[in-house]
PDB file of N, CA and C in Angstrom:
ATOM      1  N   MET A   1     -18.756  -8.990  12.423  1.00  0.00           N
ATOM      2  CA  MET A   1     -19.024  -7.568  12.338  1.00  0.00           C
ATOM      3  C   MET A   1     -18.149  -6.944  11.245  1.00  0.00           C
ATOM      4  N   LEU A   2     -18.763  -6.145  10.421  1.00  0.00           N
ATOM      5  CA  LEU A   2     -18.026  -5.461   9.362  1.00  0.00           C
ATOM      6  C   LEU A   2     -17.296  -4.254   9.922  1.00  0.00           C
ATOM      7  N   GLU A   3     -16.065  -4.102   9.526  1.00  0.00           N
ATOM      8  CA  GLU A   3     -15.277  -2.950   9.960  1.00  0.00           C
ATOM      9  C   GLU A   3     -15.121  -1.985   8.803  1.00  0.00           C
ATOM     10  N   PRO A   4     -15.239  -0.689   9.081  1.00  0.00           N
ATOM     11  CA  PRO A   4     -14.937   0.265   8.019  1.00  0.00           C
ATOM     12  C   PRO A   4     -13.455   0.144   7.664  1.00  0.00           C
ATOM     13  N   LYS A   5     -13.171   0.215   6.387  1.00  0.00           N
ATOM     14  CA  LYS A   5     -11.778   0.079   5.952  1.00  0.00           C
ATOM     15  C   LYS A   5     -11.560   0.887   4.689  1.00  0.00           C
ATOM     16  N   THR A   6     -10.310   1.103   4.388  1.00  0.00           N
ATOM     17  CA  THR A   6      -9.915   1.816   3.181  1.00  0.00           C
ATOM     18  C   THR A   6      -9.123   0.854   2.317  1.00  0.00           C
ATOM     19  N   GLU A   7      -9.592   0.647   1.090  1.00  0.00           N
ATOM     20  CA  GLU A   7      -8.890  -0.225   0.153  1.00  0.00           C
ATOM     21  C   GLU A   7      -7.937   0.626  -0.684  1.00  0.00           C
ATOM     22  N   ILE A   8      -6.716   0.148  -0.815  1.00  0.00           N
ATOM     23  CA  ILE A   8      -5.696   0.890  -1.558  1.00  0.00           C
ATOM     24  C   ILE A   8      -5.045  -0.046  -2.568  1.00  0.00           C
ATOM     25  N   ARG A   9      -4.857   0.470  -3.759  1.00  0.00           N
ATOM     26  CA  ARG A   9      -4.146  -0.277  -4.811  1.00  0.00           C
ATOM     27  C   ARG A   9      -2.999   0.599  -5.296  1.00  0.00           C
ATOM     28  N   MET A  10      -1.794   0.052  -5.203  1.00  0.00           N
ATOM     29  CA  MET A  10      -0.576   0.779  -5.557  1.00  0.00           C
ATOM     30  C   MET A  10       0.152   0.014  -6.666  1.00  0.00           C
ATOM     31  N   VAL A  11       0.668   0.739  -7.638  1.00  0.00           N
ATOM     32  CA  VAL A  11       1.372   0.127  -8.764  1.00  0.00           C
ATOM     33  C   VAL A  11       2.778   0.716  -8.843  1.00  0.00           C
ATOM     34  N   GLY A  12       3.751  -0.125  -9.061  1.00  0.00           N
ATOM     35  CA  GLY A  12       5.130   0.333  -9.188  1.00  0.00           C
ATOM     36  C   GLY A  12       6.079  -0.808  -8.893  1.00  0.00           C
ATOM     37  N   HIS A  13       7.288  -0.495  -8.575  1.00  0.00           N
ATOM     38  CA  HIS A  13       8.285  -1.515  -8.269  1.00  0.00           C
ATOM     39  C   HIS A  13       8.250  -1.786  -6.761  1.00  0.00           C
ATOM     40  N   ILE A  14       7.169  -2.461  -6.356  1.00  0.00           N
ATOM     41  CA  ILE A  14       6.858  -2.721  -4.943  1.00  0.00           C
ATOM     42  C   ILE A  14       7.984  -3.503  -4.263  1.00  0.00           C
ATOM     43  N   LEU A  15       8.406  -4.593  -4.878  1.00  0.00           N
ATOM     44  CA  LEU A  15       9.432  -5.443  -4.266  1.00  0.00           C
ATOM     45  C   LEU A  15      10.803  -4.783  -4.296  1.00  0.00           C
ATOM     46  N   GLU A  16      11.160  -4.228  -5.433  1.00  0.00           N
ATOM     47  CA  GLU A  16      12.492  -3.653  -5.612  1.00  0.00           C
ATOM     48  C   GLU A  16      12.726  -2.428  -4.738  1.00  0.00           C
ATOM     49  N   LYS A  17      11.684  -1.676  -4.476  1.00  0.00           N
ATOM     50  CA  LYS A  17      11.793  -0.443  -3.681  1.00  0.00           C
ATOM     51  C   LYS A  17      11.454  -0.678  -2.207  1.00  0.00           C
ATOM     52  N   ASN A  18      11.294  -1.942  -1.818  1.00  0.00           N
ATOM     53  CA  ASN A  18      10.999  -2.300  -0.420  1.00  0.00           C
ATOM     54  C   ASN A  18       9.781  -1.563   0.132  1.00  0.00           C
ATOM     55  N   VAL A  19       8.759  -1.423  -0.690  1.00  0.00           N
ATOM     56  CA  VAL A  19       7.570  -0.664  -0.296  1.00  0.00           C
ATOM     57  C   VAL A  19       6.908  -1.263   0.943  1.00  0.00           C
ATOM     58  N   ILE A  20       6.897  -2.574   1.062  1.00  0.00           N
ATOM     59  CA  ILE A  20       6.254  -3.210   2.215  1.00  0.00           C
ATOM     60  C   ILE A  20       6.949  -2.792   3.510  1.00  0.00           C
ATOM     61  N   PHE A  21       8.272  -2.755   3.503  1.00  0.00           N
ATOM     62  CA  PHE A  21       9.007  -2.348   4.704  1.00  0.00           C
ATOM     63  C   PHE A  21       8.844  -0.852   4.973  1.00  0.00           C
ATOM     64  N   GLU A  22       8.805  -0.053   3.913  1.00  0.00           N
ATOM     65  CA  GLU A  22       8.551   1.387   4.062  1.00  0.00           C
ATOM     66  C   GLU A  22       7.169   1.621   4.669  1.00  0.00           C
ATOM     67  N   LEU A  23       6.208   0.835   4.225  1.00  0.00           N
ATOM     68  CA  LEU A  23       4.838   0.929   4.730  1.00  0.00           C
ATOM     69  C   LEU A  23       4.794   0.614   6.224  1.00  0.00           C
ATOM     70  N   GLU A  24       5.465  -0.446   6.609  1.00  0.00           N
ATOM     71  CA  GLU A  24       5.489  -0.839   8.025  1.00  0.00           C
ATOM     72  C   GLU A  24       6.106   0.261   8.886  1.00  0.00           C
ATOM     73  N   LYS A  25       7.203   0.846   8.436  1.00  0.00           N
ATOM     74  CA  LYS A  25       7.852   1.922   9.197  1.00  0.00           C
ATOM     75  C   LYS A  25       6.961   3.153   9.298  1.00  0.00           C
ATOM     76  N   ALA A  26       6.345   3.525   8.195  1.00  0.00           N
ATOM     77  CA  ALA A  26       5.535   4.751   8.161  1.00  0.00           C
ATOM     78  C   ALA A  26       4.272   4.640   9.005  1.00  0.00           C
ATOM     79  N   LEU A  27       3.745   3.440   9.150  1.00  0.00           N
ATOM     80  CA  LEU A  27       2.467   3.271   9.855  1.00  0.00           C
ATOM     81  C   LEU A  27       2.617   2.778  11.292  1.00  0.00           C
ATOM     82  N   LYS A  28       3.844   2.555  11.755  1.00  0.00           N
ATOM     83  CA  LYS A  28       4.021   1.950  13.081  1.00  0.00           C
ATOM     84  C   LYS A  28       3.455   2.793  14.223  1.00  0.00           C
ATOM     85  N   ASP A  29       3.420   4.108  14.088  1.00  0.00           N
ATOM     86  CA  ASP A  29       2.894   4.962  15.154  1.00  0.00           C
ATOM     87  C   ASP A  29       1.471   5.437  14.889  1.00  0.00           C
ATOM     88  N   ILE A  30       0.837   4.885  13.873  1.00  0.00           N
ATOM     89  CA  ILE A  30      -0.550   5.226  13.548  1.00  0.00           C
ATOM     90  C   ILE A  30      -1.406   4.014  13.897  1.00  0.00           C
ATOM     91  N   ASP A  31      -2.529   4.232  14.544  1.00  0.00           N
ATOM     92  CA  ASP A  31      -3.370   3.136  15.025  1.00  0.00           C
ATOM     93  C   ASP A  31      -4.237   2.556  13.898  1.00  0.00           C
ATOM     94  N   VAL A  32      -3.564   1.958  12.909  1.00  0.00           N
ATOM     95  CA  VAL A  32      -4.243   1.261  11.817  1.00  0.00           C
ATOM     96  C   VAL A  32      -3.567  -0.093  11.629  1.00  0.00           C
ATOM     97  N   GLU A  33      -4.295  -0.999  11.036  1.00  0.00           N
ATOM     98  CA  GLU A  33      -3.730  -2.295  10.680  1.00  0.00           C
ATOM     99  C   GLU A  33      -3.809  -2.449   9.170  1.00  0.00           C
ATOM    100  N   VAL A  34      -2.756  -2.968   8.581  1.00  0.00           N
ATOM    101  CA  VAL A  34      -2.744  -3.279   7.154  1.00  0.00           C
ATOM    102  C   VAL A  34      -3.147  -4.747   7.042  1.00  0.00           C
ATOM    103  N   MET A  35      -4.216  -4.997   6.281  1.00  0.00           N
ATOM    104  CA  MET A  35      -4.750  -6.360   6.207  1.00  0.00           C
ATOM    105  C   MET A  35      -4.941  -6.794   4.761  1.00  0.00           C
ATOM    106  N   HIS A  36      -4.969  -8.102   4.590  1.00  0.00           N
ATOM    107  CA  HIS A  36      -5.247  -8.735   3.297  1.00  0.00           C
ATOM    108  C   HIS A  36      -4.350  -8.174   2.190  1.00  0.00           C
ATOM    109  N   VAL A  37      -3.063  -8.184   2.435  1.00  0.00           N
ATOM    110  CA  VAL A  37      -2.091  -7.645   1.475  1.00  0.00           C
ATOM    111  C   VAL A  37      -1.879  -8.649   0.343  1.00  0.00           C
ATOM    112  N   GLU A  38      -1.993  -8.162  -0.874  1.00  0.00           N
ATOM    113  CA  GLU A  38      -1.723  -8.977  -2.061  1.00  0.00           C
ATOM    114  C   GLU A  38      -0.716  -8.229  -2.925  1.00  0.00           C
ATOM    115  N   VAL A  39       0.357  -8.913  -3.300  1.00  0.00           N
ATOM    116  CA  VAL A  39       1.322  -8.341  -4.236  1.00  0.00           C
ATOM    117  C   VAL A  39       1.365  -9.279  -5.435  1.00  0.00           C
ATOM    118  N   SER A  40       1.178  -8.717  -6.617  1.00  0.00           N
ATOM    119  CA  SER A  40       1.219  -9.558  -7.814  1.00  0.00           C
ATOM    120  C   SER A  40       2.132  -8.925  -8.858  1.00  0.00           C
ATOM    121  N   PHE A  41       2.742  -9.794  -9.649  1.00  0.00           N
ATOM    122  CA  PHE A  41       3.608  -9.336 -10.727  1.00  0.00           C
ATOM    123  C   PHE A  41       3.519 -10.353 -11.850  1.00  0.00           C
ATOM    124  N   ALA A  42       3.704  -9.880 -13.079  1.00  0.00           N
ATOM    125  CA  ALA A  42       3.531 -10.737 -14.254  1.00  0.00           C
ATOM    126  C   ALA A  42       4.639 -11.779 -14.379  1.00  0.00           C
ATOM    127  N   ALA A  43       5.866 -11.390 -14.112  1.00  0.00           N
ATOM    128  CA  ALA A  43       6.999 -12.306 -14.230  1.00  0.00           C
ATOM    129  C   ALA A  43       8.059 -11.910 -13.211  1.00  0.00           C
ATOM    130  N   LEU A  44       8.571 -12.879 -12.498  1.00  0.00           N
ATOM    131  CA  LEU A  44       9.525 -12.599 -11.425  1.00  0.00           C
ATOM    132  C   LEU A  44      10.773 -11.873 -11.925  1.00  0.00           C
ATOM    133  N   LYS A  45      11.424 -12.388 -12.940  1.00  0.00           N
ATOM    134  CA  LYS A  45      12.664 -11.766 -13.419  1.00  0.00           C
ATOM    135  C   LYS A  45      12.422 -10.351 -13.925  1.00  0.00           C
ATOM    136  N   ALA A  46      11.377 -10.171 -14.700  1.00  0.00           N
ATOM    137  CA  ALA A  46      11.077  -8.831 -15.228  1.00  0.00           C
ATOM    138  C   ALA A  46      10.740  -7.870 -14.098  1.00  0.00           C
ATOM    139  N   GLY A  47      10.053  -8.361 -13.078  1.00  0.00           N
ATOM    140  CA  GLY A  47       9.710  -7.511 -11.945  1.00  0.00           C
ATOM    141  C   GLY A  47      10.927  -7.104 -11.142  1.00  0.00           C
ATOM    142  N   VAL A  48      11.787  -8.066 -10.855  1.00  0.00           N
ATOM    143  CA  VAL A  48      12.978  -7.796 -10.056  1.00  0.00           C
ATOM    144  C   VAL A  48      13.945  -6.875 -10.797  1.00  0.00           C
ATOM    145  N   GLU A  49      13.986  -6.988 -12.098  1.00  0.00           N
ATOM    146  CA  GLU A  49      14.883  -6.146 -12.896  1.00  0.00           C
ATOM    147  C   GLU A  49      14.255  -4.798 -13.250  1.00  0.00           C
ATOM    148  N   GLU A  50      13.107  -4.495 -12.666  1.00  0.00           N
ATOM    149  CA  GLU A  50      12.385  -3.233 -12.853  1.00  0.00           C
ATOM    150  C   GLU A  50      11.972  -2.989 -14.302  1.00  0.00           C
ATOM    151  N   ARG A  51      11.691  -4.055 -15.026  1.00  0.00           N
ATOM    152  CA  ARG A  51      11.178  -3.892 -16.384  1.00  0.00           C
ATOM    153  C   ARG A  51       9.651  -3.880 -16.395  1.00  0.00           C
ATOM    154  N   MET A  52       9.048  -4.492 -15.386  1.00  0.00           N
ATOM    155  CA  MET A  52       7.589  -4.535 -15.295  1.00  0.00           C
ATOM    156  C   MET A  52       7.183  -4.194 -13.866  1.00  0.00           C
ATOM    157  N   PRO A  53       6.181  -3.358 -13.699  1.00  0.00           N
ATOM    158  CA  PRO A  53       5.743  -3.011 -12.347  1.00  0.00           C
ATOM    159  C   PRO A  53       4.935  -4.133 -11.705  1.00  0.00           C
ATOM    160  N   SER A  54       4.871  -4.102 -10.400  1.00  0.00           N
ATOM    161  CA  SER A  54       4.009  -5.016  -9.659  1.00  0.00           C
ATOM    162  C   SER A  54       2.849  -4.211  -9.084  1.00  0.00           C
ATOM    163  N   VAL A  55       1.868  -4.930  -8.575  1.00  0.00           N
ATOM    164  CA  VAL A  55       0.663  -4.311  -8.024  1.00  0.00           C
ATOM    165  C   VAL A  55       0.493  -4.801  -6.592  1.00  0.00           C
ATOM    166  N   MET A  56       0.208  -3.884  -5.682  1.00  0.00           N
ATOM    167  CA  MET A  56      -0.070  -4.248  -4.298  1.00  0.00           C
ATOM    168  C   MET A  56      -1.443  -3.697  -3.930  1.00  0.00           C
ATOM    169  N   ARG A  57      -2.278  -4.580  -3.379  1.00  0.00           N
ATOM    170  CA  ARG A  57      -3.603  -4.175  -2.923  1.00  0.00           C
ATOM    171  C   ARG A  57      -3.719  -4.581  -1.460  1.00  0.00           C
ATOM    172  N   PHE A  58      -4.280  -3.692  -0.651  1.00  0.00           N
ATOM    173  CA  PHE A  58      -4.422  -3.979   0.773  1.00  0.00           C
ATOM    174  C   PHE A  58      -5.507  -3.098   1.368  1.00  0.00           C
ATOM    175  N   TYR A  59      -5.860  -3.398   2.612  1.00  0.00           N
ATOM    176  CA  TYR A  59      -6.858  -2.622   3.343  1.00  0.00           C
ATOM    177  C   TYR A  59      -6.217  -2.005   4.576  1.00  0.00           C
ATOM    178  N   LEU A  60      -6.596  -0.769   4.858  1.00  0.00           N
ATOM    179  CA  LEU A  60      -6.264  -0.132   6.132  1.00  0.00           C
ATOM    180  C   LEU A  60      -7.503  -0.246   7.002  1.00  0.00           C
ATOM    181  N   VAL A  61      -7.339  -0.741   8.211  1.00  0.00           N
ATOM    182  CA  VAL A  61      -8.458  -0.883   9.136  1.00  0.00           C
ATOM    183  C   VAL A  61      -8.142  -0.069  10.382  1.00  0.00           C
ATOM    184  N   GLY A  62      -9.094   0.731  10.801  1.00  0.00           N
ATOM    185  CA  GLY A  62      -8.947   1.581  11.976  1.00  0.00           C
ATOM    186  C   GLY A  62      -9.995   2.676  11.923  1.00  0.00           C
ATOM    187  N   SER A  63      -9.888   3.630  12.816  1.00  0.00           N
ATOM    188  CA  SER A  63     -10.842   4.743  12.813  1.00  0.00           C
ATOM    189  C   SER A  63     -10.637   5.580  11.550  1.00  0.00           C
ATOM    190  N   LYS A  64     -11.649   6.315  11.169  1.00  0.00           N
ATOM    191  CA  LYS A  64     -11.572   7.164   9.972  1.00  0.00           C
ATOM    192  C   LYS A  64     -10.394   8.135  10.087  1.00  0.00           C
ATOM    193  N   LYS A  65     -10.237   8.734  11.249  1.00  0.00           N
ATOM    194  CA  LYS A  65      -9.147   9.692  11.473  1.00  0.00           C
ATOM    195  C   LYS A  65      -7.783   9.022  11.276  1.00  0.00           C
ATOM    196  N   ASP A  66      -7.614   7.842  11.860  1.00  0.00           N
ATOM    197  CA  ASP A  66      -6.333   7.138  11.739  1.00  0.00           C
ATOM    198  C   ASP A  66      -6.101   6.641  10.315  1.00  0.00           C
ATOM    199  N   ARG A  67      -7.163   6.186   9.652  1.00  0.00           N
ATOM    200  CA  ARG A  67      -7.015   5.759   8.257  1.00  0.00           C
ATOM    201  C   ARG A  67      -6.620   6.934   7.370  1.00  0.00           C
ATOM    202  N   ASP A  68      -7.212   8.099   7.612  1.00  0.00           N
ATOM    203  CA  ASP A  68      -6.840   9.288   6.833  1.00  0.00           C
ATOM    204  C   ASP A  68      -5.369   9.639   7.038  1.00  0.00           C
ATOM    205  N   GLU A  69      -4.912   9.523   8.274  1.00  0.00           N
ATOM    206  CA  GLU A  69      -3.497   9.775   8.573  1.00  0.00           C
ATOM    207  C   GLU A  69      -2.611   8.729   7.874  1.00  0.00           C
ATOM    208  N   GLY A  70      -3.079   7.481   7.867  1.00  0.00           N
ATOM    209  CA  GLY A  70      -2.353   6.416   7.181  1.00  0.00           C
ATOM    210  C   GLY A  70      -2.273   6.646   5.681  1.00  0.00           C
ATOM    211  N   VAL A  71      -3.371   7.095   5.090  1.00  0.00           N
ATOM    212  CA  VAL A  71      -3.395   7.374   3.646  1.00  0.00           C
ATOM    213  C   VAL A  71      -2.393   8.471   3.303  1.00  0.00           C
ATOM    214  N   LYS A  72      -2.303   9.464   4.157  1.00  0.00           N
ATOM    215  CA  LYS A  72      -1.330  10.540   3.938  1.00  0.00           C
ATOM    216  C   LYS A  72       0.098   9.970   3.925  1.00  0.00           C
ATOM    217  N   ALA A  73       0.390   9.085   4.875  1.00  0.00           N
ATOM    218  CA  ALA A  73       1.716   8.457   4.940  1.00  0.00           C
ATOM    219  C   ALA A  73       1.964   7.579   3.711  1.00  0.00           C
ATOM    220  N   ILE A  74       0.935   6.888   3.254  1.00  0.00           N
ATOM    221  CA  ILE A  74       1.064   6.024   2.079  1.00  0.00           C
ATOM    222  C   ILE A  74       1.323   6.857   0.830  1.00  0.00           C
ATOM    223  N   ASN A  75       0.671   7.994   0.721  1.00  0.00           N
ATOM    224  CA  ASN A  75       0.935   8.893  -0.412  1.00  0.00           C
ATOM    225  C   ASN A  75       2.386   9.368  -0.411  1.00  0.00           C
ATOM    226  N   GLU A  76       2.929   9.628   0.771  1.00  0.00           N
ATOM    227  CA  GLU A  76       4.336  10.035   0.876  1.00  0.00           C
ATOM    228  C   GLU A  76       5.264   8.906   0.425  1.00  0.00           C
ATOM    229  N   ILE A  77       4.940   7.673   0.819  1.00  0.00           N
ATOM    230  CA  ILE A  77       5.737   6.515   0.393  1.00  0.00           C
ATOM    231  C   ILE A  77       5.680   6.373  -1.123  1.00  0.00           C
ATOM    232  N   ALA A  78       4.494   6.529  -1.680  1.00  0.00           N
ATOM    233  CA  ALA A  78       4.337   6.416  -3.136  1.00  0.00           C
ATOM    234  C   ALA A  78       5.229   7.433  -3.847  1.00  0.00           C
ATOM    235  N   GLY A  79       5.250   8.655  -3.366  1.00  0.00           N
ATOM    236  CA  GLY A  79       6.099   9.674  -3.974  1.00  0.00           C
ATOM    237  C   GLY A  79       7.574   9.346  -3.835  1.00  0.00           C
ATOM    238  N   LYS A  80       7.955   8.904  -2.659  1.00  0.00           N
ATOM    239  CA  LYS A  80       9.360   8.588  -2.374  1.00  0.00           C
ATOM    240  C   LYS A  80       9.859   7.411  -3.216  1.00  0.00           C
ATOM    241  N   THR A  81       8.990   6.420  -3.443  1.00  0.00           N
ATOM    242  CA  THR A  81       9.389   5.214  -4.171  1.00  0.00           C
ATOM    243  C   THR A  81       8.993   5.255  -5.648  1.00  0.00           C
ATOM    244  N   LYS A  82       8.393   6.367  -6.062  1.00  0.00           N
ATOM    245  CA  LYS A  82       7.936   6.548  -7.448  1.00  0.00           C
ATOM    246  C   LYS A  82       6.896   5.514  -7.861  1.00  0.00           C
ATOM    247  N   CYS A  83       6.078   5.114  -6.901  1.00  0.00           N
ATOM    248  CA  CYS A  83       4.947   4.234  -7.181  1.00  0.00           C
ATOM    249  C   CYS A  83       3.713   5.105  -7.397  1.00  0.00           C
ATOM    250  N   LYS A  84       2.689   4.532  -7.963  1.00  0.00           N
ATOM    251  CA  LYS A  84       1.460   5.269  -8.238  1.00  0.00           C
ATOM    252  C   LYS A  84       0.323   4.663  -7.421  1.00  0.00           C
ATOM    253  N   ILE A  85      -0.450   5.525  -6.784  1.00  0.00           N
ATOM    254  CA  ILE A  85      -1.668   5.071  -6.118  1.00  0.00           C
ATOM    255  C   ILE A  85      -2.733   5.008  -7.204  1.00  0.00           C
ATOM    256  N   GLU A  86      -3.172   3.799  -7.522  1.00  0.00           N
ATOM    257  CA  GLU A  86      -4.165   3.637  -8.577  1.00  0.00           C
ATOM    258  C   GLU A  86      -5.556   4.012  -8.075  1.00  0.00           C
ATOM    259  N   TYR A  87      -5.875   3.609  -6.833  1.00  0.00           N
ATOM    260  CA  TYR A  87      -7.126   4.057  -6.232  1.00  0.00           C
ATOM    261  C   TYR A  87      -7.099   3.908  -4.721  1.00  0.00           C
ATOM    262  N   ILE A  88      -7.945   4.694  -4.088  1.00  0.00           N
ATOM    263  CA  ILE A  88      -8.192   4.636  -2.649  1.00  0.00           C
ATOM    264  C   ILE A  88      -9.704   4.681  -2.495  1.00  0.00           C
ATOM    265  N   LYS A  89     -10.280   3.627  -1.894  1.00  0.00           N
ATOM    266  CA  LYS A  89     -11.738   3.539  -1.769  1.00  0.00           C
ATOM    267  C   LYS A  89     -12.131   3.201  -0.340  1.00  0.00           C
ATOM    268  N   GLU A  90     -13.135   3.899   0.144  1.00  0.00           N
ATOM    269  CA  GLU A  90     -13.704   3.576   1.452  1.00  0.00           C
ATOM    270  C   GLU A  90     -14.621   2.372   1.280  1.00  0.00           C
ATOM    271  N   ARG A  91     -14.514   1.402   2.176  1.00  0.00           N
ATOM    272  CA  ARG A  91     -15.330   0.179   2.132  1.00  0.00           C
ATOM    273  C   ARG A  91     -15.976  -0.048   3.487  1.00  0.00           C
ATOM    274  N   MET A  92     -17.000  -0.837   3.466  1.00  0.00           N
ATOM    275  CA  MET A  92     -17.655  -1.244   4.712  1.00  0.00           C
ATOM    276  C   MET A  92     -17.501  -2.715   4.892  1.00  0.00           C
TER     277      MET A  92
END
């Protein structure tokens, strides 16, 4: 069965700013699941030294209301960590 989900792509210093842990904290009280998380970076040393940004793509799965609440929290994390939300797309 296909679940409605929201695909999010975030660009910035994902690893250096602990975005994954910030995401987990921000979403713990929201009834959504973060699935199929991919983090990619061009070069490990350049990424860790904040010379090159990394990219994180993932899906939020849950009710539309909860996903909207999750997106709001993710936007706050992006601002706090100076990451950029490249896109947010509703998927089926």
